[in-house]
Protein backbone atom coordinates (compact mmCIF):
# COMPACT_ATOMS: atom_id res chain seq x y z
CA MET A 1 -1.36 177.90 108.45
CA ASP A 2 0.64 179.11 105.52
CA LEU A 3 4.12 178.08 104.42
CA GLN A 4 5.83 181.25 105.64
CA SER A 5 4.73 180.78 109.25
CA ILE A 6 5.96 177.17 109.21
CA PHE A 7 9.45 178.29 108.10
CA LEU A 8 9.56 181.06 110.71
CA GLN A 9 8.73 178.57 113.47
CA ALA A 10 11.37 176.08 112.35
CA ALA A 11 14.24 178.58 111.92
CA PRO A 12 15.19 179.20 115.59
CA GLY A 13 15.36 175.48 116.41
CA GLY A 14 17.89 174.82 113.65
CA PHE A 15 20.22 177.48 115.01
CA ASP A 16 20.08 176.02 118.53
CA ILE A 17 21.50 172.73 117.26
CA VAL A 18 24.51 174.55 115.79
CA LYS A 19 25.06 176.37 119.10
CA GLN A 20 24.93 173.08 120.98
CA LEU A 21 27.34 171.29 118.64
CA PHE A 22 29.87 174.15 118.43
CA PRO A 23 31.71 173.30 121.70
CA PHE A 24 32.10 169.66 120.65
CA LEU A 25 33.42 170.64 117.24
CA LEU A 26 35.83 173.08 118.87
CA ILE A 27 37.11 170.34 121.21
CA ILE A 28 37.70 168.01 118.25
CA VAL A 29 39.62 170.68 116.32
CA VAL A 30 41.79 171.60 119.33
CA PHE A 31 42.44 167.91 120.07
CA TYR A 32 43.56 167.36 116.47
CA PHE A 33 45.96 170.32 116.36
CA PHE A 34 47.49 169.81 119.82
CA MET A 35 47.56 166.00 120.08
CA ILE A 36 47.11 164.07 116.85
CA ARG A 37 48.98 166.25 114.35
CA PRO A 38 52.22 166.63 116.40
CA GLN A 39 52.28 162.88 117.12
CA MET A 40 51.94 162.08 113.40
CA LYS A 41 54.79 164.51 112.65
CA ARG A 42 57.06 162.82 115.24
CA GLN A 43 56.26 159.39 113.80
CA LYS A 44 57.18 160.54 110.30
CA GLU A 45 60.47 162.02 111.52
CA LEU A 46 61.34 158.83 113.42
CA LYS A 47 60.53 156.66 110.40
CA LYS A 48 62.72 158.87 108.21
CA TYR A 49 65.54 158.69 110.78
CA ARG A 50 65.38 154.88 110.90
CA GLU A 51 65.42 154.64 107.10
CA GLU A 52 68.50 156.90 106.88
CA LEU A 53 70.59 154.97 109.44
CA LYS A 54 74.08 154.16 108.29
CA LYS A 55 77.12 152.39 109.68
CA GLY A 56 78.83 154.40 112.39
CA ASP A 57 75.73 156.34 113.54
CA LYS A 58 75.34 156.67 117.30
CA VAL A 59 71.93 155.48 118.48
CA VAL A 60 69.79 154.91 121.56
CA THR A 61 67.36 152.01 121.81
CA THR A 62 63.95 152.00 123.44
CA GLY A 63 65.53 150.06 126.30
CA GLY A 64 68.04 152.85 126.92
CA ILE A 65 71.09 151.16 125.42
CA TYR A 66 73.59 153.53 123.84
CA GLY A 67 75.72 152.28 120.98
CA LYS A 68 77.07 152.67 117.48
CA VAL A 69 75.62 151.02 114.37
CA ALA A 70 77.99 148.25 113.27
CA GLU A 71 75.94 146.76 110.45
CA ILE A 72 72.51 147.27 108.91
CA LYS A 73 70.42 144.39 107.69
CA GLU A 74 66.87 145.09 106.64
CA PRO A 75 64.80 143.68 109.49
CA HIS A 76 67.42 144.39 112.15
CA VAL A 77 70.52 146.39 113.03
CA GLU A 78 73.70 145.25 114.73
CA VAL A 79 74.78 147.77 117.35
CA GLU A 80 78.19 147.85 119.05
CA ILE A 81 77.58 148.77 122.68
CA SER A 82 81.17 148.27 123.84
CA LYS A 83 84.45 147.40 122.19
CA GLY A 84 83.91 143.95 120.70
CA VAL A 85 80.33 143.60 122.03
CA VAL A 86 77.75 143.65 119.25
CA ILE A 87 74.03 143.06 119.75
CA LYS A 88 71.33 142.50 117.17
CA ILE A 89 68.18 144.59 117.64
CA ASP A 90 65.08 145.30 115.61
CA LYS A 91 65.19 148.53 113.63
CA SER A 92 61.99 149.70 115.32
CA ALA A 93 63.76 149.63 118.72
CA ILE A 94 65.96 152.58 117.75
CA ILE A 95 64.46 155.85 118.92
CA MET A 96 67.08 158.58 118.38
CA ASP A 97 70.75 159.28 117.98
CA MET A 98 72.97 159.96 120.97
CA SER A 99 73.43 163.65 120.20
CA ASP A 100 69.65 164.18 120.39
CA ALA A 101 69.47 162.26 123.66
CA GLN A 102 72.25 164.29 125.27
CA ALA A 103 70.86 167.59 123.98
CA LYS A 104 67.54 166.94 125.75
CA ARG A 105 69.19 166.58 129.17
């Protein structure tokens, strides 16, 4: 057996592996673009929103409490939920401002 016949016999088998792996690679690419990438983008936007909070901003917490930022301290935020009623919540519990919440309804 010469070297050329060995290469000719091995060539079709190598192509079959690529054909078998193609659907899995396609699933991974689709999963990345439709699931992972948009979620990462939302997380970046939410992080930016939380960093840019200022006194007087209207917010919604993860628990569904609507209020206005009364004071910002680094690990937490004080939110006025009613006249004279101020609660202290963690900054990570704020999900969006009230205008975004009402626009989605």
